[in-house]
């Protein structure tokens, strides 16, 4: 009868490995089993920083209706009427404003910029009836506009945000 040695050898190895921790090394004193602090490596994981995507704003276009009495109404290009108090319009840099003469007769109105955005008396700033003049604001600031032919009309202020 042939004995298979593999299981016997395996059993001897397991017993010898288990008993190896129970043997005292000569020249040392027995120690009680005290837990020791173990240092484990710290793994630092840096989360990727998300940078916000810059949204590109499409410049807006506004239409200011003018008559002999005031800068009376502001709409956007969808003809939606905007809030317009004290003749002040708030826009962003890059937006365009068109002033349109809506006077009753064939009155010509000349738009004047107090900040000299265009030359006074410039033909394009002379608004024929039902005609317009536009200007694109490229710098932030507060700008004031008047009608040359109607000095009693309150001026319009446009505040351009960056």
Protein backbone atom coordinates (compact mmCIF):
# COMPACT_ATOMS: atom_id res chain seq x y z
CA UNK A 1 0.00 0.00 0.00
CA UNK A 2 1.33 3.28 -1.01
CA UNK A 3 0.90 6.27 1.34
CA UNK A 4 0.39 9.68 -0.15
CA UNK A 5 2.90 11.98 1.43
CA UNK A 6 1.50 15.28 0.27
CA UNK A 7 -1.23 15.61 2.91
CA UNK A 8 1.18 14.53 5.65
CA UNK A 9 3.85 17.04 4.59
CA UNK A 10 1.26 19.78 4.40
CA UNK A 11 -0.01 19.01 7.90
CA UNK A 12 3.53 19.06 9.34
CA UNK A 13 4.22 22.44 7.71
CA UNK A 14 1.03 24.01 9.08
CA UNK A 15 1.74 22.76 12.63
CA UNK A 16 5.34 24.00 12.53
CA UNK A 17 4.27 27.45 11.31
CA UNK A 18 1.64 27.77 14.02
CA UNK A 19 4.01 26.71 16.78
CA UNK A 20 6.81 29.03 15.62
CA UNK A 21 5.12 32.03 17.24
CA UNK A 22 4.92 30.26 20.61
CA UNK A 23 8.64 29.61 21.05
CA UNK A 24 10.78 31.90 23.22
CA UNK A 25 14.05 32.98 21.70
CA UNK A 26 16.96 32.16 24.02
CA UNK A 27 18.36 35.24 25.85
CA UNK A 28 15.11 37.19 25.77
CA UNK A 29 12.46 37.58 28.40
CA UNK A 30 8.90 36.60 27.77
CA UNK A 31 6.64 39.54 26.88
CA UNK A 32 2.97 39.90 27.28
CA UNK A 33 1.02 40.38 24.18
CA UNK A 34 0.52 44.14 24.01
CA UNK A 35 -0.85 45.77 21.00
CA UNK A 36 1.65 47.93 19.25
CA UNK A 37 0.83 50.96 17.20
CA UNK A 38 1.33 50.29 13.62
CA UNK A 39 2.04 53.00 11.15
CA UNK A 40 0.25 52.65 7.92
CA UNK A 41 1.16 54.76 4.95
CA UNK A 42 -1.15 57.71 4.30
CA UNK A 43 -2.40 58.01 0.82
CA UNK A 44 -3.27 61.54 -0.13
CA UNK A 45 -5.79 61.85 -2.88
CA UNK A 46 -6.24 65.32 -4.31
CA UNK A 47 -9.57 65.87 -5.91
CA UNK A 48 -9.36 67.62 -9.24
CA UNK A 49 -10.24 71.28 -8.99
CA UNK A 50 -13.17 72.12 -11.17
CA UNK A 51 -12.78 75.42 -12.92
CA UNK A 52 -16.07 77.00 -13.84
CA UNK A 53 -16.70 77.25 -17.52
CA UNK A 54 -16.81 80.79 -18.76
CA UNK A 55 -20.12 81.46 -20.29
CA UNK A 56 -20.05 83.60 -23.32
CA UNK A 57 -22.79 86.18 -23.11
CA UNK A 58 -24.47 87.19 -26.31
CA UNK A 59 -24.62 90.98 -26.46
CA UNK A 60 -28.10 92.43 -26.20
CA UNK A 61 -29.69 95.09 -28.36
CA UNK A 62 -32.07 97.69 -26.93
CA UNK A 63 -34.39 100.12 -28.69
CA UNK A 64 -35.13 103.46 -27.02
CA UNK A 65 -38.16 105.25 -28.42
CA UNK A 66 -37.93 109.04 -28.43
CA UNK A 67 -40.52 111.72 -29.12
CA UNK A 68 -40.71 115.46 -28.55
CA UNK A 69 -41.37 114.90 -24.85
CA UNK A 70 -39.03 112.18 -23.60
CA UNK A 71 -37.03 109.02 -24.01
CA UNK A 72 -40.31 107.28 -23.31
CA UNK A 73 -39.91 103.53 -23.75
CA UNK A 74 -37.22 100.85 -23.96
CA UNK A 75 -37.63 97.43 -25.54
CA UNK A 76 -35.22 94.64 -26.33
CA UNK A 77 -34.90 92.98 -29.73
CA UNK A 78 -37.82 90.68 -28.93
CA UNK A 79 -39.88 93.88 -28.48
CA UNK A 80 -40.36 93.03 -24.81
CA UNK A 81 -40.78 96.25 -22.86
CA UNK A 82 -38.17 96.65 -20.14
CA UNK A 83 -38.32 98.31 -16.75
CA UNK A 84 -37.23 101.87 -17.33
CA UNK A 85 -37.38 104.18 -14.31
CA UNK A 86 -36.12 107.75 -14.14
CA UNK A 87 -34.93 107.49 -17.75
CA UNK A 88 -32.15 105.12 -16.66
CA UNK A 89 -31.21 101.99 -18.57
CA UNK A 90 -28.80 99.36 -17.18
CA UNK A 91 -26.90 97.34 -19.77
CA UNK A 92 -23.66 95.33 -20.09
CA UNK A 93 -20.45 96.09 -21.94
CA UNK A 94 -20.83 95.02 -25.56
CA UNK A 95 -24.57 95.78 -25.71
CA UNK A 96 -26.00 98.04 -28.41
CA UNK A 97 -28.61 100.74 -27.95
CA UNK A 98 -30.66 102.10 -30.83
CA UNK A 99 -32.48 105.39 -30.38
CA UNK A 100 -35.50 105.70 -32.66
CA UNK A 101 -37.38 108.92 -33.43
CA UNK A 102 -41.08 108.32 -32.88
CA UNK A 103 -42.14 111.99 -32.98
CA UNK A 104 -45.52 112.71 -34.55
CA UNK A 105 -44.47 114.96 -37.40
CA UNK A 106 -41.40 115.17 -39.54
CA UNK A 107 -39.39 116.44 -36.60
CA UNK A 108 -35.67 115.85 -36.74
CA UNK A 109 -34.18 115.10 -33.33
CA UNK A 110 -30.44 115.29 -32.72
CA UNK A 111 -29.09 112.97 -30.05
CA UNK A 112 -26.24 114.45 -28.01
CA UNK A 113 -23.85 112.46 -25.81
CA UNK A 114 -22.62 114.40 -22.77
CA UNK A 115 -19.49 112.20 -22.83
CA UNK A 116 -18.84 112.98 -26.53
CA UNK A 117 -19.20 109.40 -27.71
CA UNK A 118 -19.71 110.89 -31.16
CA UNK A 119 -19.15 114.31 -32.66
CA UNK A 120 -21.99 116.73 -31.86
CA UNK A 121 -24.08 117.31 -34.96
CA UNK A 122 -22.84 114.11 -36.58
CA UNK A 123 -25.34 113.18 -39.28
CA UNK A 124 -25.92 109.68 -37.98
CA UNK A 125 -27.02 111.13 -34.61
CA UNK A 126 -29.68 113.20 -36.42
CA UNK A 127 -32.79 111.13 -36.17
CA UNK A 128 -35.35 111.54 -38.91
CA UNK A 129 -38.90 110.47 -38.13
CA UNK A 130 -39.12 106.68 -37.71
CA UNK A 131 -35.37 106.36 -38.23
CA UNK A 132 -32.80 105.20 -35.72
CA UNK A 133 -29.20 105.58 -34.68
CA UNK A 134 -27.31 102.91 -32.75
CA UNK A 135 -24.21 102.77 -30.62
CA UNK A 136 -22.36 99.79 -29.10
CA UNK A 137 -21.00 100.44 -25.61
CA UNK A 138 -17.50 99.01 -25.24
CA UNK A 139 -16.52 100.60 -21.92
CA UNK A 140 -18.25 100.43 -18.54
CA UNK A 141 -19.48 103.68 -17.03
CA UNK A 142 -22.44 106.04 -16.79
CA UNK A 143 -23.43 107.93 -19.94
CA UNK A 144 -25.95 110.74 -20.39
CA UNK A 145 -27.89 111.64 -23.55
CA UNK A 146 -29.97 114.68 -24.46
CA UNK A 147 -32.04 115.97 -27.35
CA UNK A 148 -30.60 119.14 -28.90
CA UNK A 149 -33.95 120.41 -30.17
CA UNK A 150 -35.77 119.74 -26.90
CA UNK A 151 -33.69 121.12 -24.01
CA UNK A 152 -36.58 120.68 -21.53
CA UNK A 153 -36.69 116.91 -22.08
CA UNK A 154 -35.07 115.14 -19.15
CA UNK A 155 -31.79 113.42 -20.14
CA UNK A 156 -31.44 109.69 -20.42
CA UNK A 157 -28.79 107.85 -18.42
CA UNK A 158 -27.30 104.54 -19.52
CA UNK A 159 -25.26 102.62 -16.98
CA UNK A 160 -22.89 100.12 -18.59
CA UNK A 161 -21.71 97.29 -16.34
CA UNK A 162 -18.50 95.35 -17.06
